[in-house]
């Protein structure tokens, strides 16, 4: 099972969610791009990190 940590930084705030843009590794294309996280969880975080696991 391969895992990858993907980092994101704050882009903008909407009514109920916060949009984050991926910070791609140098020389690599984005894995996800943008992600929306609900405000109740995101709080005031300017950066988040998500771990993705391939389970084939």
PDB file of N, CA and C in Angstrom:
ATOM      1  N   UNK A   1       0.848  -1.178   0.000  1.00  0.00           N
ATOM      2  CA  UNK A   1       0.000   0.000   0.000  1.00  0.00           C
ATOM      3  C   UNK A   1       0.893   1.241   0.000  1.00  0.00           C
ATOM      4  N   UNK A   2       0.767   2.058  -1.019  1.00  0.00           N
ATOM      5  CA  UNK A   2       1.550   3.289  -1.134  1.00  0.00           C
ATOM      6  C   UNK A   2       0.791   4.452  -0.515  1.00  0.00           C
ATOM      7  N   UNK A   3       1.500   5.264   0.260  1.00  0.00           N
ATOM      8  CA  UNK A   3       0.904   6.456   0.867  1.00  0.00           C
ATOM      9  C   UNK A   3       1.649   7.698   0.421  1.00  0.00           C
ATOM     10  N   UNK A   4       0.928   8.805   0.342  1.00  0.00           N
ATOM     11  CA  UNK A   4       1.521  10.077  -0.038  1.00  0.00           C
ATOM     12  C   UNK A   4       0.902  11.180   0.801  1.00  0.00           C
ATOM     13  N   UNK A   5       1.723  12.047   1.346  1.00  0.00           N
ATOM     14  CA  UNK A   5       1.242  13.211   2.087  1.00  0.00           C
ATOM     15  C   UNK A   5       1.177  14.380   1.119  1.00  0.00           C
ATOM     16  N   UNK A   6       0.026  15.042   1.083  1.00  0.00           N
ATOM     17  CA  UNK A   6      -0.187  16.168   0.184  1.00  0.00           C
ATOM     18  C   UNK A   6      -0.466  17.396   1.054  1.00  0.00           C
ATOM     19  N   UNK A   7       0.252  18.479   0.788  1.00  0.00           N
ATOM     20  CA  UNK A   7       0.109  19.707   1.569  1.00  0.00           C
ATOM     21  C   UNK A   7      -0.722  20.730   0.798  1.00  0.00           C
ATOM     22  N   UNK A   8      -1.486  21.491   1.550  1.00  0.00           N
ATOM     23  CA  UNK A   8      -2.365  22.502   0.976  1.00  0.00           C
ATOM     24  C   UNK A   8      -2.213  23.810   1.739  1.00  0.00           C
ATOM     25  N   UNK A   9      -2.468  24.943   1.036  1.00  0.00           N
ATOM     26  CA  UNK A   9      -2.466  26.246   1.689  1.00  0.00           C
ATOM     27  C   UNK A   9      -3.785  26.955   1.414  1.00  0.00           C
ATOM     28  N   UNK A  10      -4.180  27.815   2.320  1.00  0.00           N
ATOM     29  CA  UNK A  10      -5.439  28.557   2.250  1.00  0.00           C
ATOM     30  C   UNK A  10      -5.532  29.342   0.948  1.00  0.00           C
ATOM     31  N   UNK A  11      -6.706  29.284   0.311  1.00  0.00           N
ATOM     32  CA  UNK A  11      -6.956  30.100  -0.877  1.00  0.00           C
ATOM     33  C   UNK A  11      -8.067  31.101  -0.604  1.00  0.00           C
ATOM     34  N   UNK A  12      -9.264  30.597  -0.202  1.00  0.00           N
ATOM     35  CA  UNK A  12     -10.360  31.520   0.081  1.00  0.00           C
ATOM     36  C   UNK A  12     -11.374  30.856   0.997  1.00  0.00           C
ATOM     37  N   UNK A  13     -12.203  31.693   1.579  1.00  0.00           N
ATOM     38  CA  UNK A  13     -13.231  31.232   2.505  1.00  0.00           C
ATOM     39  C   UNK A  13     -14.601  31.449   1.885  1.00  0.00           C
ATOM     40  N   UNK A  14     -15.454  30.447   1.973  1.00  0.00           N
ATOM     41  CA  UNK A  14     -16.827  30.537   1.499  1.00  0.00           C
ATOM     42  C   UNK A  14     -17.758  30.566   2.702  1.00  0.00           C
ATOM     43  N   UNK A  15     -19.045  30.508   2.461  1.00  0.00           N
ATOM     44  CA  UNK A  15     -20.019  30.579   3.550  1.00  0.00           C
ATOM     45  C   UNK A  15     -19.821  29.462   4.581  1.00  0.00           C
ATOM     46  N   UNK A  16     -19.716  28.219   4.127  1.00  0.00           N
ATOM     47  CA  UNK A  16     -19.607  27.081   5.046  1.00  0.00           C
ATOM     48  C   UNK A  16     -18.325  26.266   4.893  1.00  0.00           C
ATOM     49  N   UNK A  17     -17.446  26.673   3.985  1.00  0.00           N
ATOM     50  CA  UNK A  17     -16.237  25.884   3.751  1.00  0.00           C
ATOM     51  C   UNK A  17     -15.038  26.780   3.469  1.00  0.00           C
ATOM     52  N   UNK A  18     -13.868  26.164   3.463  1.00  0.00           N
ATOM     53  CA  UNK A  18     -12.617  26.845   3.167  1.00  0.00           C
ATOM     54  C   UNK A  18     -11.969  26.104   2.008  1.00  0.00           C
ATOM     55  N   UNK A  19     -11.489  26.849   1.023  1.00  0.00           N
ATOM     56  CA  UNK A  19     -10.834  26.239  -0.135  1.00  0.00           C
ATOM     57  C   UNK A  19      -9.326  26.318   0.056  1.00  0.00           C
ATOM     58  N   UNK A  20      -8.664  25.176  -0.178  1.00  0.00           N
ATOM     59  CA  UNK A  20      -7.215  25.089  -0.088  1.00  0.00           C
ATOM     60  C   UNK A  20      -6.659  24.660  -1.435  1.00  0.00           C
ATOM     61  N   UNK A  21      -5.503  25.209  -1.801  1.00  0.00           N
ATOM     62  CA  UNK A  21      -4.794  24.834  -3.029  1.00  0.00           C
ATOM     63  C   UNK A  21      -3.612  23.956  -2.662  1.00  0.00           C
ATOM     64  N   UNK A  22      -3.380  22.945  -3.463  1.00  0.00           N
ATOM     65  CA  UNK A  22      -2.258  22.041  -3.226  1.00  0.00           C
ATOM     66  C   UNK A  22      -0.929  22.749  -3.461  1.00  0.00           C
ATOM     67  N   UNK A  23       0.046  22.417  -2.637  1.00  0.00           N
ATOM     68  CA  UNK A  23       1.422  22.870  -2.828  1.00  0.00           C
ATOM     69  C   UNK A  23       2.162  21.665  -3.416  1.00  0.00           C
ATOM     70  N   UNK A  24       2.332  21.615  -4.740  1.00  0.00           N
ATOM     71  CA  UNK A  24       2.954  20.428  -5.351  1.00  0.00           C
ATOM     72  C   UNK A  24       4.441  20.345  -5.024  1.00  0.00           C
ATOM     73  N   UNK A  25       4.961  19.116  -5.029  1.00  0.00           N
ATOM     74  CA  UNK A  25       6.394  18.919  -4.845  1.00  0.00           C
ATOM     75  C   UNK A  25       7.114  19.516  -6.053  1.00  0.00           C
ATOM     76  N   UNK A  26       8.329  19.977  -5.838  1.00  0.00           N
ATOM     77  CA  UNK A  26       9.097  20.615  -6.900  1.00  0.00           C
ATOM     78  C   UNK A  26       9.267  19.681  -8.099  1.00  0.00           C
ATOM     79  N   UNK A  27       8.893  20.175  -9.271  1.00  0.00           N
ATOM     80  CA  UNK A  27       9.035  19.414 -10.505  1.00  0.00           C
ATOM     81  C   UNK A  27       7.937  18.391 -10.757  1.00  0.00           C
ATOM     82  N   UNK A  28       6.923  18.340  -9.890  1.00  0.00           N
ATOM     83  CA  UNK A  28       5.838  17.366 -10.028  1.00  0.00           C
ATOM     84  C   UNK A  28       4.506  18.095 -10.235  1.00  0.00           C
ATOM     85  N   UNK A  29       3.576  17.494 -10.979  1.00  0.00           N
ATOM     86  CA  UNK A  29       2.243  18.100 -11.119  1.00  0.00           C
ATOM     87  C   UNK A  29       1.431  17.851  -9.845  1.00  0.00           C
ATOM     88  N   UNK A  30       0.364  18.634  -9.635  1.00  0.00           N
ATOM     89  CA  UNK A  30      -0.490  18.416  -8.460  1.00  0.00           C
ATOM     90  C   UNK A  30      -1.134  17.026  -8.494  1.00  0.00           C
ATOM     91  N   UNK A  31      -1.343  16.454  -7.321  1.00  0.00           N
ATOM     92  CA  UNK A  31      -2.009  15.158  -7.198  1.00  0.00           C
ATOM     93  C   UNK A  31      -3.518  15.374  -7.107  1.00  0.00           C
ATOM     94  N   UNK A  32      -3.948  16.382  -6.360  1.00  0.00           N
ATOM     95  CA  UNK A  32      -5.378  16.642  -6.141  1.00  0.00           C
ATOM     96  C   UNK A  32      -5.806  17.975  -6.742  1.00  0.00           C
ATOM     97  N   UNK A  33      -5.035  19.014  -6.552  1.00  0.00           N
ATOM     98  CA  UNK A  33      -5.407  20.348  -7.027  1.00  0.00           C
ATOM     99  C   UNK A  33      -5.960  21.165  -5.887  1.00  0.00           C
ATOM    100  N   UNK A  34      -7.275  21.354  -5.869  1.00  0.00           N
ATOM    101  CA  UNK A  34      -7.944  22.117  -4.811  1.00  0.00           C
ATOM    102  C   UNK A  34      -8.832  21.193  -3.996  1.00  0.00           C
ATOM    103  N   UNK A  35      -9.081  21.607  -2.769  1.00  0.00           N
ATOM    104  CA  UNK A  35      -9.956  20.826  -1.899  1.00  0.00           C
ATOM    105  C   UNK A  35     -10.750  21.789  -1.027  1.00  0.00           C
ATOM    106  N   UNK A  36     -12.020  21.437  -0.790  1.00  0.00           N
ATOM    107  CA  UNK A  36     -12.868  22.206   0.114  1.00  0.00           C
ATOM    108  C   UNK A  36     -12.997  21.445   1.421  1.00  0.00           C
ATOM    109  N   UNK A  37     -12.820  22.152   2.544  1.00  0.00           N
ATOM    110  CA  UNK A  37     -12.948  21.569   3.873  1.00  0.00           C
ATOM    111  C   UNK A  37     -13.985  22.388   4.640  1.00  0.00           C
ATOM    112  N   UNK A  38     -14.883  21.719   5.319  1.00  0.00           N
ATOM    113  CA  UNK A  38     -15.917  22.414   6.073  1.00  0.00           C
ATOM    114  C   UNK A  38     -15.300  23.276   7.169  1.00  0.00           C
ATOM    115  N   UNK A  39     -15.875  24.478   7.377  1.00  0.00           N
ATOM    116  CA  UNK A  39     -15.343  25.437   8.348  1.00  0.00           C
ATOM    117  C   UNK A  39     -15.277  24.875   9.761  1.00  0.00           C
ATOM    118  N   UNK A  40     -16.245  24.040  10.143  1.00  0.00           N
ATOM    119  CA  UNK A  40     -16.241  23.524  11.511  1.00  0.00           C
ATOM    120  C   UNK A  40     -14.980  22.723  11.791  1.00  0.00           C
ATOM    121  N   UNK A  41     -14.376  22.116  10.738  1.00  0.00           N
ATOM    122  CA  UNK A  41     -13.147  21.346  10.912  1.00  0.00           C
ATOM    123  C   UNK A  41     -11.911  22.196  10.626  1.00  0.00           C
ATOM    124  N   UNK A  42     -11.941  22.974   9.564  1.00  0.00           N
ATOM    125  CA  UNK A  42     -10.777  23.758   9.142  1.00  0.00           C
ATOM    126  C   UNK A  42     -10.405  24.843  10.145  1.00  0.00           C
ATOM    127  N   UNK A  43     -11.409  25.445  10.771  1.00  0.00           N
ATOM    128  CA  UNK A  43     -11.127  26.532  11.715  1.00  0.00           C
ATOM    129  C   UNK A  43     -10.354  27.643  11.031  1.00  0.00           C
ATOM    130  N   UNK A  44      -9.274  28.101  11.659  1.00  0.00           N
ATOM    131  CA  UNK A  44      -8.454  29.184  11.105  1.00  0.00           C
ATOM    132  C   UNK A  44      -7.159  28.679  10.485  1.00  0.00           C
ATOM    133  N   UNK A  45      -7.087  27.392  10.173  1.00  0.00           N
ATOM    134  CA  UNK A  45      -5.849  26.808   9.637  1.00  0.00           C
ATOM    135  C   UNK A  45      -5.511  27.384   8.268  1.00  0.00           C
ATOM    136  N   UNK A  46      -4.290  27.856   8.129  1.00  0.00           N
ATOM    137  CA  UNK A  46      -3.822  28.385   6.847  1.00  0.00           C
ATOM    138  C   UNK A  46      -3.176  27.297   6.003  1.00  0.00           C
ATOM    139  N   UNK A  47      -2.754  26.206   6.634  1.00  0.00           N
ATOM    140  CA  UNK A  47      -2.161  25.076   5.908  1.00  0.00           C
ATOM    141  C   UNK A  47      -2.723  23.783   6.490  1.00  0.00           C
ATOM    142  N   UNK A  48      -2.955  22.797   5.603  1.00  0.00           N
ATOM    143  CA  UNK A  48      -3.402  21.484   6.029  1.00  0.00           C
ATOM    144  C   UNK A  48      -2.584  20.440   5.288  1.00  0.00           C
ATOM    145  N   UNK A  49      -2.618  19.219   5.782  1.00  0.00           N
ATOM    146  CA  UNK A  49      -1.926  18.101   5.158  1.00  0.00           C
ATOM    147  C   UNK A  49      -2.860  16.905   5.147  1.00  0.00           C
ATOM    148  N   UNK A  50      -2.924  16.227   4.005  1.00  0.00           N
ATOM    149  CA  UNK A  50      -3.789  15.058   3.851  1.00  0.00           C
ATOM    150  C   UNK A  50      -2.919  13.887   3.395  1.00  0.00           C
ATOM    151  N   UNK A  51      -3.166  12.711   3.963  1.00  0.00           N
ATOM    152  CA  UNK A  51      -2.447  11.506   3.555  1.00  0.00           C
ATOM    153  C   UNK A  51      -3.386  10.663   2.695  1.00  0.00           C
ATOM    154  N   UNK A  52      -2.899  10.275   1.511  1.00  0.00           N
ATOM    155  CA  UNK A  52      -3.679   9.451   0.582  1.00  0.00           C
ATOM    156  C   UNK A  52      -3.012   8.071   0.512  1.00  0.00           C
ATOM    157  N   UNK A  53      -3.824   7.030   0.585  1.00  0.00           N
ATOM    158  CA  UNK A  53      -3.292   5.676   0.487  1.00  0.00           C
ATOM    159  C   UNK A  53      -3.933   4.957  -0.691  1.00  0.00           C
ATOM    160  N   UNK A  54      -3.111   4.342  -1.543  1.00  0.00           N
ATOM    161  CA  UNK A  54      -3.605   3.495  -2.625  1.00  0.00           C
ATOM    162  C   UNK A  54      -3.763   2.084  -2.054  1.00  0.00           C
ATOM    163  N   UNK A  55      -4.934   1.508  -2.219  1.00  0.00           N
ATOM    164  CA  UNK A  55      -5.204   0.207  -1.622  1.00  0.00           C
ATOM    165  C   UNK A  55      -5.573  -0.864  -2.648  1.00  0.00           C
ATOM    166  N   UNK A  56      -4.818  -0.962  -3.751  1.00  0.00           N
ATOM    167  CA  UNK A  56      -5.119  -2.015  -4.724  1.00  0.00           C
ATOM    168  C   UNK A  56      -4.360  -3.239  -4.401  1.00  0.00           C
TER     169      UNK A  56
END
